[in-house]
Amino acid sequence: MANHKSAAKRARQTIVKTERNRFYKTRIKNVTKAVLTAVEANDKEAATTAVKTVNSYLHHCVSKGILKKGTAARKVSRLQTKVNAI
């Protein structure tokens, strides 16, 4: 347990931020899975729409500090490559 007032505050903040990050990371996995599912089904329209959603959401996460810019760009690029291969 924290011995100082500031340490106790940091512990509380960590709990809140961990919960928030868990929400964002779960959502990232879900929107990514939507693209991969559409790609496996060879559904070009659904995959294209899903990639736009993923692109928007990943860059939103970058602005919130959940992901780094390069990580988001890499994930979008890899998904876009799979969609283009359909």
C-alpha atoms as a PDB file:
ATOM      1  CA  MET A   1       0.000   0.000   0.000  1.00  0.00           C
ATOM      2  CA  ALA A   2       1.123   3.548  -0.659  1.00  0.00           C
ATOM      3  CA  ASN A   3       2.836   5.351   2.215  1.00  0.00           C
ATOM      4  CA  HIS A   4       2.535   8.875   0.838  1.00  0.00           C
ATOM      5  CA  LYS A   5      -0.431  10.935  -0.246  1.00  0.00           C
ATOM      6  CA  SER A   6       1.036  11.421  -3.735  1.00  0.00           C
ATOM      7  CA  ALA A   7       1.732   7.696  -4.089  1.00  0.00           C
ATOM      8  CA  ALA A   8      -1.861   6.895  -3.170  1.00  0.00           C
ATOM      9  CA  LYS A   9      -3.090   9.336  -5.815  1.00  0.00           C
ATOM     10  CA  ARG A  10      -0.844   7.747  -8.452  1.00  0.00           C
ATOM     11  CA  ALA A  11      -2.244   4.333  -7.529  1.00  0.00           C
ATOM     12  CA  ARG A  12      -5.809   5.603  -8.016  1.00  0.00           C
ATOM     13  CA  GLN A  13      -4.904   7.190 -11.350  1.00  0.00           C
ATOM     14  CA  THR A  14      -3.269   3.977 -12.535  1.00  0.00           C
ATOM     15  CA  ILE A  15      -6.455   2.025 -11.874  1.00  0.00           C
ATOM     16  CA  VAL A  16      -8.532   4.501 -13.901  1.00  0.00           C
ATOM     17  CA  LYS A  17      -6.070   4.621 -16.796  1.00  0.00           C
ATOM     18  CA  THR A  18      -5.708   0.826 -16.887  1.00  0.00           C
ATOM     19  CA  GLU A  19      -9.470   0.438 -17.213  1.00  0.00           C
ATOM     20  CA  ARG A  20      -9.621   3.065 -19.957  1.00  0.00           C
ATOM     21  CA  ASN A  21      -6.751   1.445 -21.884  1.00  0.00           C
ATOM     22  CA  ARG A  22      -8.426  -1.965 -21.602  1.00  0.00           C
ATOM     23  CA  PHE A  23     -11.554  -0.518 -23.236  1.00  0.00           C
ATOM     24  CA  TYR A  24      -9.600   1.007 -26.124  1.00  0.00           C
ATOM     25  CA  LYS A  25      -7.442  -2.079 -26.721  1.00  0.00           C
ATOM     26  CA  THR A  26     -10.477  -4.377 -26.748  1.00  0.00           C
ATOM     27  CA  ARG A  27     -12.215  -2.120 -29.256  1.00  0.00           C
ATOM     28  CA  ILE A  28      -9.099  -2.116 -31.453  1.00  0.00           C
ATOM     29  CA  LYS A  29      -9.160  -5.927 -31.516  1.00  0.00           C
ATOM     30  CA  ASN A  30     -12.869  -5.990 -32.370  1.00  0.00           C
ATOM     31  CA  VAL A  31     -12.705  -3.524 -35.284  1.00  0.00           C
ATOM     32  CA  THR A  32      -9.618  -5.307 -36.617  1.00  0.00           C
ATOM     33  CA  LYS A  33     -11.410  -8.647 -36.423  1.00  0.00           C
ATOM     34  CA  ALA A  34     -14.267  -7.183 -38.487  1.00  0.00           C
ATOM     35  CA  VAL A  35     -11.837  -6.461 -41.324  1.00  0.00           C
ATOM     36  CA  LEU A  36     -10.237  -9.896 -41.151  1.00  0.00           C
ATOM     37  CA  THR A  37     -13.642 -11.588 -41.151  1.00  0.00           C
ATOM     38  CA  ALA A  38     -14.702  -9.636 -44.243  1.00  0.00           C
ATOM     39  CA  VAL A  39     -11.415 -10.491 -45.974  1.00  0.00           C
ATOM     40  CA  GLU A  40     -11.867 -14.207 -45.250  1.00  0.00           C
ATOM     41  CA  ALA A  41     -15.383 -14.009 -46.706  1.00  0.00           C
ATOM     42  CA  ASN A  42     -14.015 -12.210 -49.819  1.00  0.00           C
ATOM     43  CA  ASP A  43     -16.491  -9.359 -49.232  1.00  0.00           C
ATOM     44  CA  LYS A  44     -14.739  -6.362 -50.786  1.00  0.00           C
ATOM     45  CA  GLU A  45     -17.402  -3.778 -49.829  1.00  0.00           C
ATOM     46  CA  ALA A  46     -17.619  -4.819 -46.178  1.00  0.00           C
ATOM     47  CA  ALA A  47     -13.838  -5.011 -45.907  1.00  0.00           C
ATOM     48  CA  THR A  48     -13.384  -1.547 -47.411  1.00  0.00           C
ATOM     49  CA  THR A  49     -15.942  -0.052 -45.033  1.00  0.00           C
ATOM     50  CA  ALA A  50     -14.360  -1.825 -42.066  1.00  0.00           C
ATOM     51  CA  VAL A  51     -10.870  -0.595 -43.009  1.00  0.00           C
ATOM     52  CA  LYS A  52     -12.124   2.988 -43.008  1.00  0.00           C
ATOM     53  CA  THR A  53     -13.542   2.445 -39.533  1.00  0.00           C
ATOM     54  CA  VAL A  54     -10.288   0.884 -38.318  1.00  0.00           C
ATOM     55  CA  ASN A  55      -8.223   3.709 -39.800  1.00  0.00           C
ATOM     56  CA  SER A  56     -10.349   6.327 -38.070  1.00  0.00           C
ATOM     57  CA  TYR A  57     -10.406   4.519 -34.740  1.00  0.00           C
ATOM     58  CA  LEU A  58      -6.687   3.720 -34.621  1.00  0.00           C
ATOM     59  CA  HIS A  59      -5.755   7.320 -35.315  1.00  0.00           C
ATOM     60  CA  HIS A  60      -8.253   8.393 -32.660  1.00  0.00           C
ATOM     61  CA  CYS A  61      -6.358   6.134 -30.243  1.00  0.00           C
ATOM     62  CA  VAL A  62      -3.111   7.809 -31.305  1.00  0.00           C
ATOM     63  CA  SER A  63      -4.527  11.196 -30.343  1.00  0.00           C
ATOM     64  CA  LYS A  64      -5.526   9.770 -26.949  1.00  0.00           C
ATOM     65  CA  GLY A  65      -2.040   8.337 -26.374  1.00  0.00           C
ATOM     66  CA  ILE A  66      -3.155   4.700 -26.402  1.00  0.00           C
ATOM     67  CA  LEU A  67      -1.045   3.804 -29.457  1.00  0.00           C
ATOM     68  CA  LYS A  68       2.002   5.313 -31.073  1.00  0.00           C
ATOM     69  CA  LYS A  69       1.660   6.809 -34.530  1.00  0.00           C
ATOM     70  CA  GLY A  70       3.842   4.194 -36.219  1.00  0.00           C
ATOM     71  CA  THR A  71       1.945   1.327 -34.625  1.00  0.00           C
ATOM     72  CA  ALA A  72      -1.374   2.634 -35.924  1.00  0.00           C
ATOM     73  CA  ALA A  73       0.074   3.236 -39.386  1.00  0.00           C
ATOM     74  CA  ARG A  74       1.542  -0.286 -39.490  1.00  0.00           C
ATOM     75  CA  LYS A  75      -1.728  -1.929 -38.465  1.00  0.00           C
ATOM     76  CA  VAL A  76      -3.749   0.067 -41.015  1.00  0.00           C
ATOM     77  CA  SER A  77      -1.200  -0.668 -43.743  1.00  0.00           C
ATOM     78  CA  ARG A  78      -1.262  -4.406 -43.134  1.00  0.00           C
ATOM     79  CA  LEU A  79      -5.045  -4.513 -43.112  1.00  0.00           C
ATOM     80  CA  GLN A  80      -5.261  -2.386 -46.259  1.00  0.00           C
ATOM     81  CA  THR A  81      -2.863  -4.754 -48.020  1.00  0.00           C
ATOM     82  CA  LYS A  82      -5.122  -7.705 -47.186  1.00  0.00           C
ATOM     83  CA  VAL A  83      -8.191  -5.852 -48.449  1.00  0.00           C
ATOM     84  CA  ASN A  84      -6.435  -4.884 -51.694  1.00  0.00           C
ATOM     85  CA  ALA A  85      -5.512  -8.531 -52.273  1.00  0.00           C
ATOM     86  CA  ILE A  86      -9.200  -9.517 -52.557  1.00  0.00           C
END
